Amino acid sequence: MKNKSSYYQRGAAGIIYVTMIPALFGIFALGIESSRYLQTHARLGDAIEIASLAVAANVSKNENDNRLLAQGFANIYVPDGDIDLSKISIIRKSCDDIYGNECGQPGVYDEDGLIFTEYKVTLESDFDSWYPKDEFAQGYDDIVKMKGNAVARKYQGYTLDVAFVADFSGSMKDPWNGQTKYRGVINVIEDITRKLESFNESTEQELDGKRLLNKAAFIGYNLYTSNGSSYFSNVNYNNASLSKKWWTNTPNIAFDSTIANPLTTTRKSLNGRVDGDNSSYFETVDLTDDFSSFRSTINMFIPNHGTASYEGIIAAAKLLEEGENVRKLIIVLSDGEDSTNSRNPDDNRYPGYAALQLYNGGLCSNIIADLEALEVDGRSVEAKIAVIGFDYNIAENPGLQTCAGAENVQSANSYQEIYDNILELISEEVGHLYYRNYE
């Protein structure tokens, strides 16, 4: 005889099993969908973080371009999402917008107080549920909306004022590497200014609502500097006026006062052009970001006569003193040592003798110290003198090595090397990105 109790239990179990199927399926679907949305939420968060970094690195002010960039990254991370451009918001703020007058001040928001541009990316996406809820089972809505935001900051390298101090003595007419030296140097400087233009197009540095730009100046020198029609000396002298006969001027240089206060020396005009030199033409070009006009101007220059590098360096330092950028760079480009009496290097009539007195006395270190004592918008200036020599043994010019320091003196064997060396010196720091959660 069969056990009726066991029979009835099996029937009850069947009924319970049938009635539990929808609930069990609902739990299964809810578990699968929940896992999916947890992963999707994490991926969307990653996508927004990466998108904010990409937008910051792109440094574009075109909002539609930035939205497309953010959408592209999000679509890669969450391909099952429906991300409309209208659901992407990008808010750009400058350092000034956030910190006001404290922007650029060390210790306010980071140790160095680097200038930055901040991008906040907010993104919303729709997702179709795999197992939407219905009258039989619990689940998610047919469409689930997810939203997130992230902030990235692009810290900029400091813009700079760069002064090209170019040797325009007679030897610069000589051929080297397929062209005359002065033409090759001018071509290099022109190419560098095109690079500076591209830097200026991408930089977003602002202080007090003013956009900061890289600027360049040109100081040509032979025995003196020039404005195109007259020559000028930039060192102090023990007498009141200068002769066009340079060998009578050099012995009267006041070395001590020139070395002690190089940025306050009195610029003096010669009585006529340099004796025996009526063919050179060059002039000093003040700091500018109008690089097209800059190139047109220096393209007409022609060199001649002797060499006195200190004249160009002092003139460059005075120009940089008036510049608006925190970084100051003097780049000396020369094909030989300062003019000397080859039979008597102690002949005090020659610039080579004067150069050693000035450089060994600390002229250049005082220039750097005076420039770095300046402040631009509350930030201490960073200054440097660099020398690039070509077509001669730079070790034969101990004066310039003493001036810049051996670590800042480089030799170049081609115009490409000159370009590469300058580019390394002036290249804008690309900057670094910083991500943080934003509430």
Protein backbone atom coordinates (compact mmCIF):
# COMPACT_ATOMS: atom_id res chain seq x y z
CA MET A 1 0.00 0.00 0.00
CA LYS A 2 1.44 3.37 -1.05
CA ASN A 3 2.11 6.12 1.45
CA LYS A 4 -0.56 8.75 0.69
CA SER A 5 1.32 11.43 2.68
CA SER A 6 4.37 11.10 0.38
CA TYR A 7 2.11 11.31 -2.69
CA TYR A 8 0.49 14.51 -1.50
CA GLN A 9 3.89 16.01 -0.66
CA ARG A 10 5.12 15.43 -4.20
CA GLY A 11 2.07 17.21 -5.54
CA ALA A 12 2.55 20.16 -3.24
CA ALA A 13 6.19 20.40 -4.26
CA GLY A 14 5.19 20.50 -7.90
CA ILE A 15 2.75 23.32 -7.27
CA ILE A 16 5.35 25.25 -5.28
CA TYR A 17 7.94 24.70 -8.04
CA VAL A 18 5.57 25.97 -10.73
CA THR A 19 4.62 29.04 -8.73
CA MET A 20 8.26 29.80 -7.90
CA ILE A 21 9.51 29.74 -11.51
CA PRO A 22 8.63 33.42 -12.24
CA ALA A 23 10.17 34.51 -8.94
CA LEU A 24 13.32 32.45 -9.54
CA PHE A 25 13.59 33.75 -13.09
CA GLY A 26 13.11 37.28 -11.81
CA ILE A 27 15.91 36.81 -9.29
CA PHE A 28 18.10 35.35 -12.05
CA ALA A 29 17.33 38.20 -14.43
CA LEU A 30 17.76 40.81 -11.73
CA GLY A 31 21.12 39.32 -10.76
CA ILE A 32 22.35 39.26 -14.36
CA GLU A 33 21.09 42.77 -15.10
CA SER A 34 22.44 44.15 -11.82
CA SER A 35 25.89 42.71 -12.53
CA ARG A 36 25.74 44.19 -16.01
CA TYR A 37 24.80 47.65 -14.79
CA LEU A 38 27.43 47.60 -12.05
CA GLN A 39 30.07 46.85 -14.68
CA THR A 40 28.56 49.37 -17.07
CA HIS A 41 28.59 52.06 -14.41
CA ALA A 42 32.26 51.38 -13.70
CA ARG A 43 33.11 51.41 -17.43
CA LEU A 44 31.17 54.64 -17.94
CA GLY A 45 33.10 56.20 -15.06
CA ASP A 46 36.38 55.13 -16.65
CA ALA A 47 35.17 56.48 -20.00
CA ILE A 48 34.37 59.90 -18.52
CA GLU A 49 37.73 60.06 -16.75
CA ILE A 50 39.60 59.22 -19.95
CA ALA A 51 37.40 61.62 -21.92
CA SER A 52 38.18 64.46 -19.52
CA LEU A 53 41.91 63.79 -19.85
CA ALA A 54 41.62 63.63 -23.65
CA VAL A 55 39.69 66.90 -23.81
CA ALA A 56 42.25 68.60 -21.55
CA ALA A 57 45.14 67.29 -23.65
CA ASN A 58 43.39 68.42 -26.84
CA VAL A 59 43.38 72.06 -25.60
CA SER A 60 40.64 73.04 -28.02
CA LYS A 61 38.13 75.78 -27.29
CA ASN A 62 35.69 74.33 -29.84
CA GLU A 63 32.95 72.82 -27.69
CA ASN A 64 31.57 70.60 -30.46
CA ASP A 65 35.02 69.13 -31.16
CA ASN A 66 35.45 68.38 -27.47
CA ARG A 67 32.03 66.76 -27.25
CA LEU A 68 32.80 64.54 -30.25
CA LEU A 69 36.09 63.56 -28.63
CA ALA A 70 34.36 62.67 -25.35
CA GLN A 71 31.62 60.77 -27.20
CA GLY A 72 34.22 58.74 -29.10
CA PHE A 73 35.94 57.57 -25.93
CA ALA A 74 32.65 56.79 -24.22
CA ASN A 75 31.46 54.71 -27.18
CA ILE A 76 34.60 52.61 -26.97
CA TYR A 77 34.13 51.90 -23.28
CA VAL A 78 30.34 51.41 -23.34
CA PRO A 79 29.39 50.41 -26.89
CA ASP A 80 25.90 49.34 -25.75
CA GLY A 81 25.07 52.84 -24.57
CA ASP A 82 23.13 55.52 -26.43
CA ILE A 83 25.19 58.69 -25.93
CA ASP A 84 23.77 61.76 -27.60
CA LEU A 85 25.96 64.83 -28.05
CA SER A 86 23.29 66.92 -26.35
CA LYS A 87 23.82 64.85 -23.19
CA ILE A 88 27.52 65.75 -23.03
CA SER A 89 28.47 68.91 -21.14
CA ILE A 90 31.98 70.32 -21.05
CA ILE A 91 32.78 73.28 -18.82
CA ARG A 92 36.13 74.97 -19.30
CA LYS A 93 37.56 77.13 -16.53
CA SER A 94 40.85 78.95 -16.33
CA CYS A 95 42.98 79.08 -13.23
CA ASP A 96 41.82 82.69 -12.82
CA ASP A 97 38.16 81.61 -12.88
CA ILE A 98 38.72 79.24 -9.97
CA TYR A 99 41.34 80.91 -7.79
CA GLY A 100 41.13 84.55 -8.85
CA ASN A 101 44.15 86.57 -7.74
CA GLU A 102 45.60 83.49 -6.08
CA CYS A 103 46.03 81.75 -9.44
CA GLY A 104 49.71 81.06 -10.00
CA GLN A 105 50.60 81.44 -6.33
CA PRO A 106 52.69 78.56 -4.94
CA GLY A 107 51.04 76.68 -2.10
CA VAL A 108 47.46 77.70 -2.85
CA TYR A 109 46.43 74.62 -4.81
CA ASP A 110 49.75 72.90 -5.34
CA GLU A 111 53.35 73.33 -4.30
CA ASP A 112 54.46 75.16 -7.42
CA GLY A 113 51.31 77.10 -8.26
CA LEU A 114 51.44 76.05 -11.91
CA ILE A 115 48.92 77.71 -14.21
CA PHE A 116 46.27 75.38 -15.58
CA THR A 117 43.04 75.07 -17.52
CA GLU A 118 40.35 72.85 -16.05
CA TYR A 119 37.80 70.80 -18.01
CA LYS A 120 34.74 69.29 -16.35
CA VAL A 121 33.09 66.62 -18.51
CA THR A 122 29.55 65.51 -17.64
CA LEU A 123 28.04 62.68 -19.67
CA GLU A 124 24.70 60.88 -19.64
CA SER A 125 23.87 57.68 -21.53
CA ASP A 126 20.76 55.52 -22.05
CA PHE A 127 20.92 51.73 -21.85
CA ASP A 128 18.27 49.23 -22.97
CA SER A 129 17.58 46.66 -20.27
CA TRP A 130 17.93 43.01 -21.27
CA TYR A 131 15.23 41.87 -18.83
CA PRO A 132 12.90 44.79 -18.17
CA LYS A 133 10.37 44.41 -15.42
CA ASP A 134 6.83 43.33 -16.26
CA GLU A 135 3.71 42.12 -14.47
CA PHE A 136 5.27 38.72 -13.84
CA ALA A 137 8.80 39.59 -12.73
CA GLN A 138 10.79 42.33 -11.11
CA GLY A 139 13.55 44.05 -13.08
CA TYR A 140 14.85 47.36 -14.31
CA ASP A 141 13.02 49.92 -16.40
CA ASP A 142 13.06 49.48 -20.16
CA ILE A 143 15.66 52.26 -20.39
CA VAL A 144 18.18 52.95 -17.65
CA LYS A 145 19.94 56.32 -17.54
CA MET A 146 23.45 56.61 -16.15
CA LYS A 147 25.34 59.82 -15.57
CA GLY A 148 28.79 60.76 -14.37
CA ASN A 149 31.35 63.54 -14.41
CA ALA A 150 35.06 64.01 -14.11
CA VAL A 151 37.49 66.90 -14.04
CA ALA A 152 40.95 67.08 -15.59
CA ARG A 153 43.41 69.92 -15.43
CA LYS A 154 46.03 70.71 -18.05
CA TYR A 155 49.04 72.29 -16.37
CA GLN A 156 50.99 74.42 -18.80
CA GLY A 157 54.71 74.88 -19.06
CA TYR A 158 55.60 78.52 -18.61
CA THR A 159 55.68 80.71 -21.68
CA LEU A 160 59.01 82.39 -22.27
CA ASP A 161 60.80 85.44 -23.61
CA VAL A 162 63.71 84.31 -25.78
CA ALA A 163 66.41 86.59 -27.14
CA PHE A 164 68.43 85.37 -30.11
CA VAL A 165 71.87 86.97 -29.84
CA ALA A 166 73.37 86.41 -33.29
CA ASP A 167 76.96 86.94 -34.33
CA PHE A 168 76.84 89.25 -37.38
CA SER A 169 80.55 89.70 -37.87
CA GLY A 170 82.26 89.41 -41.24
CA SER A 171 83.01 85.68 -40.88
CA MET A 172 79.26 84.99 -40.97
CA LYS A 173 79.42 85.66 -44.72
CA ASP A 174 81.54 82.54 -45.18
CA PRO A 175 79.96 79.38 -46.58
CA TRP A 176 79.21 76.44 -44.28
CA ASN A 177 77.10 73.35 -44.84
CA GLY A 178 75.92 74.52 -48.25
CA GLN A 179 75.04 78.16 -47.53
CA THR A 180 76.45 81.28 -45.96
CA LYS A 181 76.42 81.09 -42.19
CA TYR A 182 74.26 84.12 -41.57
CA ARG A 183 71.61 82.89 -44.01
CA GLY A 184 71.64 79.49 -42.36
CA VAL A 185 71.28 81.02 -38.88
CA ILE A 186 68.45 83.30 -40.00
CA ASN A 187 66.67 80.31 -41.54
CA VAL A 188 67.01 78.38 -38.28
CA ILE A 189 65.64 81.29 -36.24
CA GLU A 190 62.73 81.65 -38.66
CA ASP A 191 61.92 77.95 -38.29
CA ILE A 192 62.08 78.25 -34.50
CA THR A 193 59.62 81.16 -34.55
CA ARG A 194 57.22 79.00 -36.54
CA LYS A 195 57.47 76.49 -33.72
CA LEU A 196 56.79 79.25 -31.21
CA GLU A 197 53.72 80.19 -33.24
CA SER A 198 52.39 76.65 -32.94
CA PHE A 199 53.06 76.74 -29.19
CA ASN A 200 51.13 80.00 -28.92
CA GLU A 201 48.19 78.53 -30.81
CA SER A 202 47.84 75.74 -28.26
CA THR A 203 48.77 77.47 -25.01
CA GLU A 204 45.90 78.38 -22.70
CA GLN A 205 47.83 80.16 -19.99
CA GLU A 206 46.01 83.14 -18.57
CA LEU A 207 46.75 85.45 -15.68
CA ASP A 208 44.46 88.29 -14.66
CA GLY A 209 42.36 87.56 -17.73
CA LYS A 210 45.31 88.08 -20.06
CA ARG A 211 46.55 85.33 -22.37
CA LEU A 212 50.27 84.61 -22.03
CA LEU A 213 52.29 84.07 -25.20
CA ASN A 214 55.85 83.11 -26.07
CA LYS A 215 57.82 86.04 -27.46
CA ALA A 216 61.13 86.43 -29.26
CA ALA A 217 63.68 89.20 -29.76
CA PHE A 218 66.68 89.46 -32.09
CA ILE A 219 69.94 91.14 -31.19
CA GLY A 220 72.59 91.15 -33.87
CA TYR A 221 76.10 92.16 -32.95
CA ASN A 222 79.49 92.61 -34.55
CA LEU A 223 81.68 95.07 -32.66
CA TYR A 224 78.50 96.77 -31.44
CA THR A 225 74.74 96.45 -31.71
CA SER A 226 72.75 98.48 -34.22
CA ASN A 227 69.39 100.02 -35.02
CA GLY A 228 70.04 99.65 -38.74
CA SER A 229 71.55 103.06 -39.31
CA SER A 230 73.72 103.66 -36.23
CA TYR A 231 75.85 101.56 -33.92
CA PHE A 232 75.51 101.47 -30.15
CA SER A 233 77.66 100.21 -27.29
CA ASN A 234 76.04 98.77 -24.19
CA VAL A 235 78.93 98.84 -21.70
CA ASN A 236 79.99 101.71 -19.48
CA TYR A 237 83.01 103.83 -20.40
CA ASN A 238 85.39 106.09 -18.54
CA ASN A 239 84.94 108.87 -21.09
CA ALA A 240 81.90 110.77 -22.34
CA SER A 241 81.80 110.00 -26.05
CA LEU A 242 82.76 107.17 -28.40
CA SER A 243 84.76 107.31 -31.59
CA LYS A 244 83.95 105.36 -34.70
CA LYS A 245 87.48 103.99 -34.32
CA TRP A 246 86.59 101.02 -32.10
CA TRP A 247 90.19 100.37 -30.98
CA THR A 248 90.19 103.70 -29.15
CA ASN A 249 86.96 102.85 -27.29
CA THR A 250 87.67 99.39 -25.93
CA PRO A 251 90.57 100.39 -23.63
CA ASN A 252 88.23 102.87 -21.93
CA ILE A 253 85.57 100.34 -20.89
CA ALA A 254 84.62 100.75 -17.22
CA PHE A 255 84.73 97.06 -16.34
CA ASP A 256 83.78 97.28 -12.67
CA SER A 257 80.60 99.32 -13.12
CA THR A 258 79.55 97.30 -16.18
CA ILE A 259 79.97 94.02 -14.32
CA ALA A 260 78.29 95.28 -11.16
CA ASN A 261 75.14 96.65 -12.81
CA PRO A 262 74.78 95.21 -16.32
CA LEU A 263 71.08 96.04 -16.66
CA THR A 264 71.60 99.74 -15.92
CA THR A 265 74.54 100.54 -18.19
CA THR A 266 74.13 103.54 -20.48
CA ARG A 267 73.71 102.80 -24.16
CA LYS A 268 75.97 105.11 -26.16
CA SER A 269 75.90 105.93 -29.85
CA LEU A 270 79.10 105.98 -31.88
CA ASN A 271 80.17 109.09 -33.76
CA GLY A 272 79.38 107.61 -37.15
CA ARG A 273 79.49 104.02 -38.31
CA VAL A 274 82.27 101.63 -37.33
CA ASP A 275 85.49 102.58 -39.08
CA GLY A 276 85.93 100.63 -42.31
CA ASP A 277 82.44 99.06 -42.14
CA ASN A 278 79.72 100.48 -44.34
CA SER A 279 78.21 97.31 -45.69
CA SER A 280 76.58 95.55 -42.74
CA TYR A 281 72.90 95.97 -41.96
CA PHE A 282 71.08 94.58 -38.95
CA GLU A 283 69.06 95.91 -36.07
CA THR A 284 67.68 94.92 -32.71
CA VAL A 285 64.13 93.59 -32.84
CA ASP A 286 62.21 93.99 -29.58
CA LEU A 287 60.27 91.14 -27.97
CA THR A 288 57.23 90.27 -30.05
CA ASP A 289 54.73 87.52 -30.76
CA ASP A 290 54.17 88.89 -34.28
CA PHE A 291 56.52 86.32 -35.73
CA SER A 292 55.55 86.98 -39.34
CA SER A 293 56.85 90.57 -39.11
CA PHE A 294 59.81 89.33 -37.07
CA ARG A 295 60.83 86.97 -39.89
CA SER A 296 60.37 89.63 -42.57
CA THR A 297 62.66 91.97 -40.65
CA ILE A 298 65.56 89.64 -39.88
CA ASN A 299 65.46 88.22 -43.41
CA MET A 300 67.06 91.46 -44.71
CA PHE A 301 70.09 91.50 -42.39
CA ILE A 302 73.70 91.38 -43.66
CA PRO A 303 76.82 90.95 -41.46
CA ASN A 304 80.31 92.46 -41.48
CA HIS A 305 83.28 93.45 -39.31
CA GLY A 306 84.55 92.16 -35.93
CA THR A 307 83.04 90.37 -32.92
CA ALA A 308 82.15 91.54 -29.40
CA SER A 309 79.68 89.08 -27.86
CA TYR A 310 79.22 91.00 -24.61
CA GLU A 311 77.55 93.84 -26.52
CA GLY A 312 74.80 91.52 -27.72
CA ILE A 313 74.37 89.75 -24.37
CA ILE A 314 73.95 92.97 -22.36
CA ALA A 315 71.49 94.37 -24.92
CA ALA A 316 69.51 91.11 -24.80
CA ALA A 317 69.35 91.15 -21.00
CA LYS A 318 67.91 94.66 -21.03
CA LEU A 319 65.19 93.60 -23.47
CA LEU A 320 64.29 90.54 -21.41
CA GLU A 321 64.05 92.68 -18.29
CA GLU A 322 61.00 94.35 -19.87
CA GLY A 323 59.39 91.07 -20.94
CA GLU A 324 56.11 89.77 -19.52
CA ASN A 325 57.00 86.08 -19.26
CA VAL A 326 58.44 84.39 -16.22
CA ARG A 327 61.03 82.41 -18.21
CA LYS A 328 63.88 84.39 -19.78
CA LEU A 329 66.32 82.77 -22.20
CA ILE A 330 69.32 84.28 -23.98
CA ILE A 331 70.68 82.14 -26.82
CA VAL A 332 74.05 83.20 -28.25
CA LEU A 333 74.75 81.94 -31.78
CA SER A 334 78.36 82.41 -32.86
CA ASP A 335 80.88 81.02 -35.34
CA GLY A 336 83.98 82.18 -33.49
CA GLU A 337 85.61 83.88 -30.56
CA ASP A 338 85.59 87.59 -29.91
CA SER A 339 88.07 89.58 -31.98
CA THR A 340 91.61 89.47 -30.60
CA ASN A 341 95.13 90.41 -31.57
CA SER A 342 96.44 86.98 -32.54
CA ARG A 343 100.02 88.08 -31.81
CA ASN A 344 99.17 89.61 -28.45
CA PRO A 345 96.04 88.31 -26.68
CA ASP A 346 96.59 90.89 -23.92
CA ASP A 347 96.12 93.79 -26.34
CA ASN A 348 93.42 95.78 -24.52
CA ARG A 349 92.26 97.48 -27.72
CA TYR A 350 90.46 94.31 -28.84
CA PRO A 351 87.01 93.00 -27.76
CA GLY A 352 88.51 89.58 -27.00
CA TYR A 353 90.52 91.10 -24.18
CA ALA A 354 87.50 93.04 -22.89
CA ALA A 355 85.29 89.95 -23.08
CA LEU A 356 87.59 87.98 -20.78
CA GLN A 357 87.67 90.81 -18.25
CA LEU A 358 83.89 91.08 -18.24
CA TYR A 359 83.08 87.37 -18.22
CA ASN A 360 85.76 86.41 -15.69
CA GLY A 361 84.58 89.28 -13.51
CA GLY A 362 81.06 87.83 -13.31
CA LEU A 363 79.13 89.82 -15.90
CA CYS A 364 76.86 86.96 -16.92
CA SER A 365 76.21 85.64 -13.42
CA ASN A 366 75.16 89.17 -12.44
CA ILE A 367 72.85 89.34 -15.45
CA ILE A 368 71.19 86.10 -14.36
CA ALA A 369 70.96 87.27 -10.74
CA ASP A 370 69.43 90.62 -11.74
CA LEU A 371 66.87 88.97 -14.01
CA GLU A 372 65.96 86.35 -11.42
CA ALA A 373 65.47 89.07 -8.83
CA LEU A 374 62.50 90.23 -10.90
CA GLU A 375 58.95 89.04 -10.41
CA VAL A 376 56.24 88.59 -13.01
CA ASP A 377 52.72 88.48 -11.55
CA GLY A 378 54.16 87.51 -8.19
CA ARG A 379 56.35 84.72 -9.55
CA SER A 380 60.15 84.80 -9.53
CA VAL A 381 61.77 84.92 -12.96
CA GLU A 382 63.78 81.95 -14.25
CA ALA A 383 66.70 83.04 -16.45
CA LYS A 384 69.35 81.26 -18.47
CA ILE A 385 72.14 82.04 -20.93
CA ALA A 386 72.99 79.36 -23.50
CA VAL A 387 75.66 79.35 -26.21
CA ILE A 388 75.57 77.39 -29.47
CA GLY A 389 78.84 77.47 -31.37
CA PHE A 390 79.38 76.23 -34.91
CA ASP A 391 82.26 75.92 -37.38
CA TYR A 392 84.91 76.46 -34.71
CA ASN A 393 86.30 74.81 -31.64
CA ILE A 394 84.20 76.32 -28.90
CA ALA A 395 86.87 75.41 -26.36
CA GLU A 396 88.91 78.21 -27.95
CA ASN A 397 86.41 80.75 -26.60
CA PRO A 398 86.83 80.48 -22.83
CA GLY A 399 84.99 83.74 -22.30
CA LEU A 400 81.62 82.48 -23.49
CA GLN A 401 82.10 79.23 -21.59
CA THR A 402 82.70 81.21 -18.44
CA CYS A 403 79.68 83.37 -19.21
CA ALA A 404 77.11 80.62 -19.79
CA GLY A 405 78.74 77.81 -17.85
CA ALA A 406 80.18 74.73 -19.55
CA GLU A 407 76.89 72.84 -19.12
CA ASN A 408 75.07 75.51 -21.18
CA VAL A 409 77.51 75.56 -24.10
CA GLN A 410 76.91 73.31 -27.09
CA SER A 411 78.64 72.72 -30.40
CA ALA A 412 76.69 72.12 -33.62
CA ASN A 413 77.94 70.46 -36.78
CA SER A 414 75.00 71.40 -38.99
CA TYR A 415 72.09 73.81 -39.17
CA GLN A 416 69.81 70.94 -38.20
CA GLU A 417 71.82 70.51 -34.99
CA ILE A 418 71.54 74.23 -34.30
CA TYR A 419 67.77 73.95 -34.74
CA ASP A 420 67.55 70.85 -32.55
CA ASN A 421 69.62 72.45 -29.80
CA ILE A 422 67.51 75.61 -29.79
CA LEU A 423 64.27 73.64 -29.89
CA GLU A 424 65.38 71.65 -26.88
CA LEU A 425 66.05 74.90 -25.04
CA ILE A 426 62.78 76.65 -25.90
CA SER A 427 60.34 73.78 -26.27
CA GLU A 428 57.16 74.36 -24.31
CA GLU A 429 56.69 71.85 -21.53
CA VAL A 430 53.73 69.86 -22.77
CA GLY A 431 52.30 69.98 -19.28
CA HIS A 432 50.78 67.25 -17.20
CA LEU A 433 47.23 66.15 -16.61
CA TYR A 434 45.53 65.87 -13.27
CA TYR A 435 42.27 64.03 -12.64
CA ARG A 436 40.05 64.47 -9.62
CA ASN A 437 36.47 63.67 -8.64
CA TYR A 438 34.20 66.65 -8.93
CA GLU A 439 31.07 67.20 -6.90
